[in-house]
Amino acid sequence: MKIHISIVDFFKAPRLIESLKALEQQSLFEYCQVTVFDNSVDEDNFVRLSEYTKNKKNIVLVRSSFNQGYTKATNLSVDFSADFVILLNPDLILSSENCIKQSIEILQGRDDLGLLGIKQIDDHGNVELVARTYPSLKSQFARRAPSLISRMYTAERHSYECTEVNSQVSGVHIVDWVQSSFWVVKGELWRNLNGVCEDFFLFMSEAEFSLRAKSIGYLTAINCNTHAISDGVRASAGGLKAIFKSRAFRSHVCDMTIYYLKNLSTSKRTLP
């Protein structure tokens, strides 16, 4: 069995080293090849990662000369011939040595399941809302509007954020899509879709990937029987005013626009 793990890093070397230490404890690690793609374009970040990975036979460190963006860096760093492709955020620490093994067994047990995420909890014990429904303009406005207005759309926000599913402590739950902070994808699906769509720089490629997967018969799910620990930092955090202050937020708006232009009509037809 060939398992390939892609980690795209952006200025998170100290946390990524902790993530790699946990990854190396996985029961299936001997079958894994890891590519760390350093997108930071920062000497200190690269040196730290290089010092840790230089004697690791299963880990390859790639240094980019410019910020390629998440989707392109991911596709460049993935071995498309793998039986299973795993995407892992640099801040994510797997809590159990069987996280990968359990995920693969779940995928192997269902022909209709193509992609599996995992329940996540941040460093402060808060549940991360990694499972989502396909986005709508109303749900996105509800999440970004001032609190007084946002409260008028509480149902739409909770529906989009899959609050009930994300809070589960057990079970495997079918969802529209899940954030790629931890993905296990069947290699056949990855190859069929030719990886993540590079029309997006960073955001919304995950929803679009699951939407395309669903169109050819593959479902997406989240595994709540185990979990991973994240640092809880959201690149696109902030309300509507953040568009003037945050480059990441502006990127989110741009990618969201691309998503709607490409898929909004499809999303409406596939919403439950």
C-alpha atoms as a PDB file:
ATOM      1  CA  MET A   1       0.000   0.000   0.000  1.00  0.00           C
ATOM      2  CA  LYS A   2       1.335   3.403  -1.032  1.00  0.00           C
ATOM      3  CA  ILE A   3       0.316   6.375   1.118  1.00  0.00           C
ATOM      4  CA  HIS A   4       1.444   9.868   0.219  1.00  0.00           C
ATOM      5  CA  ILE A   5       1.109  12.782   2.628  1.00  0.00           C
ATOM      6  CA  SER A   6       1.270  16.397   1.479  1.00  0.00           C
ATOM      7  CA  ILE A   7       1.903  19.223   3.942  1.00  0.00           C
ATOM      8  CA  VAL A   8       1.937  22.780   2.597  1.00  0.00           C
ATOM      9  CA  ASP A   9       3.619  25.050   5.118  1.00  0.00           C
ATOM     10  CA  PHE A  10       3.375  28.804   5.468  1.00  0.00           C
ATOM     11  CA  PHE A  11       5.423  30.187   8.382  1.00  0.00           C
ATOM     12  CA  LYS A  12       4.553  27.403  10.839  1.00  0.00           C
ATOM     13  CA  ALA A  13       7.861  25.569  11.234  1.00  0.00           C
ATOM     14  CA  PRO A  14       7.788  25.132  15.062  1.00  0.00           C
ATOM     15  CA  ARG A  15       4.249  23.770  15.056  1.00  0.00           C
ATOM     16  CA  LEU A  16       4.905  21.693  11.936  1.00  0.00           C
ATOM     17  CA  ILE A  17       7.823  19.964  13.636  1.00  0.00           C
ATOM     18  CA  GLU A  18       5.461  18.939  16.440  1.00  0.00           C
ATOM     19  CA  SER A  19       2.996  17.742  13.821  1.00  0.00           C
ATOM     20  CA  LEU A  20       5.695  15.660  12.119  1.00  0.00           C
ATOM     21  CA  LYS A  21       6.679  14.069  15.423  1.00  0.00           C
ATOM     22  CA  ALA A  22       3.098  12.911  15.935  1.00  0.00           C
ATOM     23  CA  LEU A  23       2.871  11.801  12.314  1.00  0.00           C
ATOM     24  CA  GLU A  24       5.953   9.613  12.724  1.00  0.00           C
ATOM     25  CA  GLN A  25       4.147   7.745  15.515  1.00  0.00           C
ATOM     26  CA  GLN A  26       1.386   6.601  13.176  1.00  0.00           C
ATOM     27  CA  SER A  27       1.031   2.831  12.978  1.00  0.00           C
ATOM     28  CA  LEU A  28       1.172   2.940   9.160  1.00  0.00           C
ATOM     29  CA  PHE A  29       4.027   5.442   8.899  1.00  0.00           C
ATOM     30  CA  GLU A  30       6.370   2.880   7.345  1.00  0.00           C
ATOM     31  CA  TYR A  31       4.054   2.881   4.312  1.00  0.00           C
ATOM     32  CA  CYS A  32       3.973   6.686   4.104  1.00  0.00           C
ATOM     33  CA  GLN A  33       5.995   9.116   2.077  1.00  0.00           C
ATOM     34  CA  VAL A  34       5.723  12.735   3.196  1.00  0.00           C
ATOM     35  CA  THR A  35       6.351  15.854   1.145  1.00  0.00           C
ATOM     36  CA  VAL A  36       6.629  19.106   3.060  1.00  0.00           C
ATOM     37  CA  PHE A  37       6.222  22.007   0.651  1.00  0.00           C
ATOM     38  CA  ASP A  38       7.581  25.185   2.247  1.00  0.00           C
ATOM     39  CA  ASN A  39       5.607  28.038   0.701  1.00  0.00           C
ATOM     40  CA  SER A  40       6.905  30.633   3.172  1.00  0.00           C
ATOM     41  CA  VAL A  41       9.842  32.021   1.148  1.00  0.00           C
ATOM     42  CA  ASP A  42      11.560  32.624   4.475  1.00  0.00           C
ATOM     43  CA  GLU A  43      15.113  31.546   5.320  1.00  0.00           C
ATOM     44  CA  ASP A  44      14.541  30.978   9.026  1.00  0.00           C
ATOM     45  CA  ASN A  45      11.408  28.892   8.457  1.00  0.00           C
ATOM     46  CA  PHE A  46      13.183  26.738   5.875  1.00  0.00           C
ATOM     47  CA  VAL A  47      16.303  26.224   8.004  1.00  0.00           C
ATOM     48  CA  ARG A  48      14.230  25.025  10.945  1.00  0.00           C
ATOM     49  CA  LEU A  49      12.383  22.525   8.787  1.00  0.00           C
ATOM     50  CA  SER A  50      15.574  21.435   7.043  1.00  0.00           C
ATOM     51  CA  GLU A  51      17.338  20.710  10.326  1.00  0.00           C
ATOM     52  CA  TYR A  52      14.491  18.459  11.434  1.00  0.00           C
ATOM     53  CA  THR A  53      13.867  16.616   8.175  1.00  0.00           C
ATOM     54  CA  LYS A  54      17.418  16.160   6.842  1.00  0.00           C
ATOM     55  CA  ASN A  55      17.859  12.617   8.201  1.00  0.00           C
ATOM     56  CA  LYS A  56      14.271  11.451   7.726  1.00  0.00           C
ATOM     57  CA  LYS A  57      14.030   8.832   4.978  1.00  0.00           C
ATOM     58  CA  ASN A  58      10.231   9.145   4.712  1.00  0.00           C
ATOM     59  CA  ILE A  59      10.122  12.948   4.608  1.00  0.00           C
ATOM     60  CA  VAL A  60      11.119  15.188   1.704  1.00  0.00           C
ATOM     61  CA  LEU A  61      11.323  18.967   2.119  1.00  0.00           C
ATOM     62  CA  VAL A  62      10.661  21.125  -0.953  1.00  0.00           C
ATOM     63  CA  ARG A  63      11.439  24.828  -0.933  1.00  0.00           C
ATOM     64  CA  SER A  64       9.477  27.144  -3.202  1.00  0.00           C
ATOM     65  CA  SER A  65      11.073  30.319  -4.551  1.00  0.00           C
ATOM     66  CA  PHE A  66       7.721  32.122  -4.325  1.00  0.00           C
ATOM     67  CA  ASN A  67       4.313  31.593  -2.721  1.00  0.00           C
ATOM     68  CA  GLN A  68       2.632  29.205  -5.140  1.00  0.00           C
ATOM     69  CA  GLY A  69      -0.701  29.347  -3.345  1.00  0.00           C
ATOM     70  CA  TYR A  70      -2.264  26.392  -1.548  1.00  0.00           C
ATOM     71  CA  THR A  71      -3.852  24.561  -4.468  1.00  0.00           C
ATOM     72  CA  LYS A  72      -0.866  24.628  -6.808  1.00  0.00           C
ATOM     73  CA  ALA A  73       1.555  23.750  -4.002  1.00  0.00           C
ATOM     74  CA  THR A  74      -0.671  20.836  -3.028  1.00  0.00           C
ATOM     75  CA  ASN A  75      -0.824  19.414  -6.537  1.00  0.00           C
ATOM     76  CA  LEU A  76       2.924  19.874  -6.985  1.00  0.00           C
ATOM     77  CA  SER A  77       3.645  18.024  -3.744  1.00  0.00           C
ATOM     78  CA  VAL A  78       1.272  15.054  -4.168  1.00  0.00           C
ATOM     79  CA  ASP A  79       2.328  11.727  -5.660  1.00  0.00           C
ATOM     80  CA  PHE A  80      -0.590  11.055  -8.014  1.00  0.00           C
ATOM     81  CA  SER A  81       0.268   7.337  -8.159  1.00  0.00           C
ATOM     82  CA  ALA A  82      -0.490   6.765  -4.453  1.00  0.00           C
ATOM     83  CA  ASP A  83      -3.224   4.407  -3.289  1.00  0.00           C
ATOM     84  CA  PHE A  84      -4.233   7.032  -0.723  1.00  0.00           C
ATOM     85  CA  VAL A  85      -3.490  10.759  -0.721  1.00  0.00           C
ATOM     86  CA  ILE A  86      -3.437  12.561   2.620  1.00  0.00           C
ATOM     87  CA  LEU A  87      -3.488  16.330   3.017  1.00  0.00           C
ATOM     88  CA  LEU A  88      -2.357  17.573   6.415  1.00  0.00           C
ATOM     89  CA  ASN A  89      -2.210  21.130   7.708  1.00  0.00           C
ATOM     90  CA  PRO A  90       1.128  22.109   9.295  1.00  0.00           C
ATOM     91  CA  ASP A  91      -0.562  22.973  12.603  1.00  0.00           C
ATOM     92  CA  LEU A  92      -2.481  19.701  12.961  1.00  0.00           C
ATOM     93  CA  ILE A  93      -1.355  17.130  15.535  1.00  0.00           C
ATOM     94  CA  LEU A  94      -2.869  13.662  15.238  1.00  0.00           C
ATOM     95  CA  SER A  95      -4.020  12.513  18.665  1.00  0.00           C
ATOM     96  CA  SER A  96      -3.962   8.757  18.085  1.00  0.00           C
ATOM     97  CA  GLU A  97      -1.378   6.505  16.452  1.00  0.00           C
ATOM     98  CA  ASN A  98      -4.192   4.916  14.442  1.00  0.00           C
ATOM     99  CA  CYS A  99      -5.722   8.064  12.898  1.00  0.00           C
ATOM    100  CA  ILE A 100      -4.459   7.221   9.406  1.00  0.00           C
ATOM    101  CA  LYS A 101      -5.058   3.461   9.735  1.00  0.00           C
ATOM    102  CA  GLN A 102      -8.637   3.959  10.886  1.00  0.00           C
ATOM    103  CA  SER A 103      -9.340   6.481   8.128  1.00  0.00           C
ATOM    104  CA  ILE A 104      -8.064   4.166   5.417  1.00  0.00           C
ATOM    105  CA  GLU A 105     -10.047   1.233   6.782  1.00  0.00           C
ATOM    106  CA  ILE A 106     -13.222   3.331   6.675  1.00  0.00           C
ATOM    107  CA  LEU A 107     -12.580   4.279   3.044  1.00  0.00           C
ATOM    108  CA  GLN A 108     -11.755   0.689   2.108  1.00  0.00           C
ATOM    109  CA  GLY A 109     -15.039  -0.450   3.635  1.00  0.00           C
ATOM    110  CA  ARG A 110     -17.250   1.725   1.422  1.00  0.00           C
ATOM    111  CA  ASP A 111     -17.103   1.932  -2.351  1.00  0.00           C
ATOM    112  CA  ASP A 112     -19.206   5.115  -2.376  1.00  0.00           C
ATOM    113  CA  LEU A 113     -16.912   7.008   0.007  1.00  0.00           C
ATOM    114  CA  GLY A 114     -14.028   8.865  -1.602  1.00  0.00           C
ATOM    115  CA  LEU A 115     -12.840  11.417   0.941  1.00  0.00           C
ATOM    116  CA  LEU A 116     -12.653  11.378   4.737  1.00  0.00           C
ATOM    117  CA  GLY A 117     -11.935  14.191   7.176  1.00  0.00           C
ATOM    118  CA  ILE A 118     -11.522  14.017  10.933  1.00  0.00           C
ATOM    119  CA  LYS A 119     -13.025  15.689  13.982  1.00  0.00           C
ATOM    120  CA  GLN A 120     -10.808  18.524  15.202  1.00  0.00           C
ATOM    121  CA  ILE A 121     -10.347  20.329  18.501  1.00  0.00           C
ATOM    122  CA  ASP A 122      -8.171  23.402  18.986  1.00  0.00           C
ATOM    123  CA  ASP A 123      -5.505  23.928  21.649  1.00  0.00           C
ATOM    124  CA  HIS A 124      -8.110  25.418  23.999  1.00  0.00           C
ATOM    125  CA  GLY A 125     -10.530  22.504  23.711  1.00  0.00           C
ATOM    126  CA  ASN A 126     -12.952  24.161  21.286  1.00  0.00           C
ATOM    127  CA  VAL A 127     -14.515  22.080  18.520  1.00  0.00           C
ATOM    128  CA  GLU A 128     -13.404  23.201  15.064  1.00  0.00           C
ATOM    129  CA  LEU A 129     -16.184  23.534  12.493  1.00  0.00           C
ATOM    130  CA  VAL A 130     -14.398  21.592   9.765  1.00  0.00           C
ATOM    131  CA  ALA A 131     -17.467  19.894   8.255  1.00  0.00           C
ATOM    132  CA  ARG A 132     -19.694  22.191   6.196  1.00  0.00           C
ATOM    133  CA  THR A 133     -22.622  22.291   3.814  1.00  0.00           C
ATOM    134  CA  TYR A 134     -22.155  23.834   0.386  1.00  0.00           C
ATOM    135  CA  PRO A 135     -21.968  27.622   0.809  1.00  0.00           C
ATOM    136  CA  SER A 136     -24.718  30.036  -0.102  1.00  0.00           C
ATOM    137  CA  LEU A 137     -24.586  33.824  -0.315  1.00  0.00           C
ATOM    138  CA  LYS A 138     -26.957  34.052   2.641  1.00  0.00           C
ATOM    139  CA  SER A 139     -24.864  31.791   4.897  1.00  0.00           C
ATOM    140  CA  GLN A 140     -21.645  33.639   4.050  1.00  0.00           C
ATOM    141  CA  PHE A 141     -23.248  37.003   4.742  1.00  0.00           C
ATOM    142  CA  ALA A 142     -24.558  35.671   8.070  1.00  0.00           C
ATOM    143  CA  ARG A 143     -21.056  34.648   9.148  1.00  0.00           C
ATOM    144  CA  ARG A 144     -19.484  38.008   8.285  1.00  0.00           C
ATOM    145  CA  ALA A 145     -22.202  40.532   9.124  1.00  0.00           C
ATOM    146  CA  PRO A 146     -22.227  42.570  12.367  1.00  0.00           C
ATOM    147  CA  SER A 147     -23.636  40.547  15.276  1.00  0.00           C
ATOM    148  CA  LEU A 148     -26.984  42.355  15.368  1.00  0.00           C
ATOM    149  CA  ILE A 149     -27.684  41.480  11.734  1.00  0.00           C
ATOM    150  CA  SER A 150     -26.015  38.076  11.953  1.00  0.00           C
ATOM    151  CA  ARG A 151     -28.445  36.955  14.649  1.00  0.00           C
ATOM    152  CA  MET A 152     -31.265  37.247  12.117  1.00  0.00           C
ATOM    153  CA  TYR A 153     -29.609  34.466  10.110  1.00  0.00           C
ATOM    154  CA  THR A 154     -28.611  32.116  12.928  1.00  0.00           C
ATOM    155  CA  ALA A 155     -30.282  29.099  11.309  1.00  0.00           C
ATOM    156  CA  GLU A 156     -28.447  29.628   8.018  1.00  0.00           C
ATOM    157  CA  ARG A 157     -25.109  30.020   9.803  1.00  0.00           C
ATOM    158  CA  HIS A 158     -25.568  26.894  11.944  1.00  0.00           C
ATOM    159  CA  SER A 159     -26.684  24.897   8.928  1.00  0.00           C
ATOM    160  CA  TYR A 160     -23.602  25.917   6.924  1.00  0.00           C
ATOM    161  CA  GLU A 161     -21.253  25.226   9.853  1.00  0.00           C
ATOM    162  CA  CYS A 162     -22.765  21.764  10.518  1.00  0.00           C
ATOM    163  CA  THR A 163     -22.716  22.523  14.250  1.00  0.00           C
ATOM    164  CA  GLU A 164     -24.493  19.311  15.205  1.00  0.00           C
ATOM    165  CA  VAL A 165     -22.241  17.038  13.134  1.00  0.00           C
ATOM    166  CA  ASN A 166     -19.010  18.732  14.203  1.00  0.00           C
ATOM    167  CA  SER A 167     -19.994  18.268  17.849  1.00  0.00           C
ATOM    168  CA  GLN A 168     -20.446  14.496  17.553  1.00  0.00           C
ATOM    169  CA  VAL A 169     -18.071  12.365  19.645  1.00  0.00           C
ATOM    170  CA  SER A 170     -18.396   9.192  17.583  1.00  0.00           C
ATOM    171  CA  GLY A 171     -19.511   7.859  14.243  1.00  0.00           C
ATOM    172  CA  VAL A 172     -18.775   8.513  10.579  1.00  0.00           C
ATOM    173  CA  HIS A 173     -21.055  11.187   9.137  1.00  0.00           C
ATOM    174  CA  ILE A 174     -21.709  12.039   5.495  1.00  0.00           C
ATOM    175  CA  VAL A 175     -21.326  15.774   4.846  1.00  0.00           C
ATOM    176  CA  ASP A 176     -21.192  18.045   1.816  1.00  0.00           C
ATOM    177  CA  TRP A 177     -17.520  18.894   2.321  1.00  0.00           C
ATOM    178  CA  VAL A 178     -14.823  19.096   4.959  1.00  0.00           C
ATOM    179  CA  GLN A 179     -11.807  21.367   5.330  1.00  0.00           C
ATOM    180  CA  SER A 180      -8.583  19.896   3.973  1.00  0.00           C
ATOM    181  CA  SER A 181      -6.656  20.396   7.212  1.00  0.00           C
ATOM    182  CA  PHE A 182      -6.896  16.588   7.288  1.00  0.00           C
ATOM    183  CA  TRP A 183      -8.044  14.712   4.218  1.00  0.00           C
ATOM    184  CA  VAL A 184      -7.641  11.072   3.310  1.00  0.00           C
ATOM    185  CA  VAL A 185      -8.575  10.602  -0.343  1.00  0.00           C
ATOM    186  CA  LYS A 186      -8.715   7.457  -2.426  1.00  0.00           C
ATOM    187  CA  GLY A 187      -5.993   7.636  -5.061  1.00  0.00           C
ATOM    188  CA  GLU A 188      -8.442   6.739  -7.823  1.00  0.00           C
ATOM    189  CA  LEU A 189     -10.584   9.774  -6.951  1.00  0.00           C
ATOM    190  CA  TRP A 190      -7.583  12.105  -6.733  1.00  0.00           C
ATOM    191  CA  ARG A 191      -6.437  11.033 -10.178  1.00  0.00           C
ATOM    192  CA  ASN A 192      -9.932  11.199 -11.643  1.00  0.00           C
ATOM    193  CA  LEU A 193     -10.328  14.819 -10.532  1.00  0.00           C
ATOM    194  CA  ASN A 194      -6.691  15.685 -11.305  1.00  0.00           C
ATOM    195  CA  GLY A 195      -6.157  16.965  -7.770  1.00  0.00           C
ATOM    196  CA  VAL A 196      -7.558  20.166  -6.342  1.00  0.00           C
ATOM    197  CA  CYS A 197      -8.676  22.897  -8.722  1.00  0.00           C
ATOM    198  CA  GLU A 198      -5.986  25.521  -9.282  1.00  0.00           C
ATOM    199  CA  ASP A 199      -8.528  28.177 -10.235  1.00  0.00           C
ATOM    200  CA  PHE A 200      -8.530  28.858  -6.481  1.00  0.00           C
ATOM    201  CA  PHE A 201      -5.513  30.308  -4.676  1.00  0.00           C
ATOM    202  CA  LEU A 202      -6.319  29.057  -1.174  1.00  0.00           C
ATOM    203  CA  PHE A 203      -9.981  28.827  -0.196  1.00  0.00           C
ATOM    204  CA  MET A 204     -13.057  26.990  -1.529  1.00  0.00           C
ATOM    205  CA  SER A 205     -11.110  24.347  -3.461  1.00  0.00           C
ATOM    206  CA  GLU A 206     -12.276  21.879  -0.801  1.00  0.00           C
ATOM    207  CA  ALA A 207     -15.987  22.475  -1.390  1.00  0.00           C
ATOM    208  CA  GLU A 208     -15.419  22.387  -5.130  1.00  0.00           C
ATOM    209  CA  PHE A 209     -13.456  19.112  -4.886  1.00  0.00           C
ATOM    210  CA  SER A 210     -16.244  17.374  -2.953  1.00  0.00           C
ATOM    211  CA  LEU A 211     -18.832  18.777  -5.341  1.00  0.00           C
ATOM    212  CA  ARG A 212     -16.956  17.300  -8.291  1.00  0.00           C
ATOM    213  CA  ALA A 213     -16.437  14.042  -6.408  1.00  0.00           C
ATOM    214  CA  LYS A 214     -20.159  13.778  -5.722  1.00  0.00           C
ATOM    215  CA  SER A 215     -20.939  14.267  -9.393  1.00  0.00           C
ATOM    216  CA  ILE A 216     -19.032  11.056 -10.209  1.00  0.00           C
ATOM    217  CA  GLY A 217     -20.400   9.018  -7.306  1.00  0.00           C
ATOM    218  CA  TYR A 218     -18.021   9.651  -4.396  1.00  0.00           C
ATOM    219  CA  LEU A 219     -19.256  10.953  -1.048  1.00  0.00           C
ATOM    220  CA  THR A 220     -17.395  12.954   1.600  1.00  0.00           C
ATOM    221  CA  ALA A 221     -17.505  12.137   5.324  1.00  0.00           C
ATOM    222  CA  ILE A 222     -16.048  13.131   8.677  1.00  0.00           C
ATOM    223  CA  ASN A 223     -14.774  10.585  11.189  1.00  0.00           C
ATOM    224  CA  CYS A 224     -15.680  11.569  14.759  1.00  0.00           C
ATOM    225  CA  ASN A 225     -14.357   8.384  16.388  1.00  0.00           C
ATOM    226  CA  THR A 226     -10.949  10.014  16.763  1.00  0.00           C
ATOM    227  CA  HIS A 227      -9.649  13.565  16.485  1.00  0.00           C
ATOM    228  CA  ALA A 228      -6.744  15.863  15.737  1.00  0.00           C
ATOM    229  CA  ILE A 229      -5.606  19.006  17.523  1.00  0.00           C
ATOM    230  CA  SER A 230      -5.277  22.307  15.638  1.00  0.00           C
ATOM    231  CA  ASP A 231      -3.866  25.675  16.658  1.00  0.00           C
ATOM    232  CA  GLY A 232      -7.271  27.284  16.067  1.00  0.00           C
ATOM    233  CA  VAL A 233      -5.903  30.084  13.866  1.00  0.00           C
ATOM    234  CA  ARG A 234      -8.181  30.906  10.934  1.00  0.00           C
ATOM    235  CA  ALA A 235      -6.484  32.586   7.988  1.00  0.00           C
ATOM    236  CA  SER A 236      -9.735  34.212   6.858  1.00  0.00           C
ATOM    237  CA  ALA A 237     -11.021  35.285  10.265  1.00  0.00           C
ATOM    238  CA  GLY A 238     -12.851  38.589  10.562  1.00  0.00           C
ATOM    239  CA  GLY A 239     -16.024  40.384   9.598  1.00  0.00           C
ATOM    240  CA  LEU A 240     -16.754  42.379   6.473  1.00  0.00           C
ATOM    241  CA  LYS A 241     -14.320  45.125   7.527  1.00  0.00           C
ATOM    242  CA  ALA A 242     -11.469  42.625   7.266  1.00  0.00           C
ATOM    243  CA  ILE A 243     -11.509  43.032   3.499  1.00  0.00           C
ATOM    244  CA  PHE A 244      -9.641  46.322   4.050  1.00  0.00           C
ATOM    245  CA  LYS A 245      -7.127  44.866   6.524  1.00  0.00           C
ATOM    246  CA  SER A 246      -6.493  41.212   5.695  1.00  0.00           C
ATOM    247  CA  ARG A 247      -4.893  39.917   2.517  1.00  0.00           C
ATOM    248  CA  ALA A 248      -6.097  36.403   3.400  1.00  0.00           C
ATOM    249  CA  PHE A 249      -9.660  37.644   3.739  1.00  0.00           C
ATOM    250  CA  ARG A 250      -9.462  39.359   0.352  1.00  0.00           C
ATOM    251  CA  SER A 251      -8.183  36.092  -1.093  1.00  0.00           C
ATOM    252  CA  HIS A 252     -11.172  34.337   0.485  1.00  0.00           C
ATOM    253  CA  VAL A 253     -13.582  36.791  -1.150  1.00  0.00           C
ATOM    254  CA  CYS A 254     -11.877  36.310  -4.511  1.00  0.00           C
ATOM    255  CA  ASP A 255     -11.935  32.509  -4.248  1.00  0.00           C
ATOM    256  CA  MET A 256     -15.549  32.568  -3.074  1.00  0.00           C
ATOM    257  CA  THR A 257     -16.484  34.614  -6.140  1.00  0.00           C
ATOM    258  CA  ILE A 258     -14.773  32.073  -8.388  1.00  0.00           C
ATOM    259  CA  TYR A 259     -16.619  29.266  -6.593  1.00  0.00           C
ATOM    260  CA  TYR A 260     -20.019  30.883  -7.159  1.00  0.00           C
ATOM    261  CA  LEU A 261     -19.304  31.595 -10.802  1.00  0.00           C
ATOM    262  CA  LYS A 262     -18.278  27.973 -11.352  1.00  0.00           C
ATOM    263  CA  ASN A 263     -20.649  26.052  -9.118  1.00  0.00           C
ATOM    264  CA  LEU A 264     -23.526  27.980  -7.600  1.00  0.00           C
ATOM    265  CA  SER A 265     -26.194  26.465  -9.822  1.00  0.00           C
ATOM    266  CA  THR A 266     -24.793  22.985  -9.188  1.00  0.00           C
ATOM    267  CA  SER A 267     -24.659  23.594  -5.435  1.00  0.00           C
ATOM    268  CA  LYS A 268     -28.338  24.544  -5.343  1.00  0.00           C
ATOM    269  CA  ARG A 269     -29.300  21.301  -7.062  1.00  0.00           C
ATOM    270  CA  THR A 270     -27.242  19.139  -4.683  1.00  0.00           C
ATOM    271  CA  LEU A 271     -28.169  20.712  -1.352  1.00  0.00           C
ATOM    272  CA  PRO A 272     -30.237  18.352   0.831  1.00  0.00           C
END
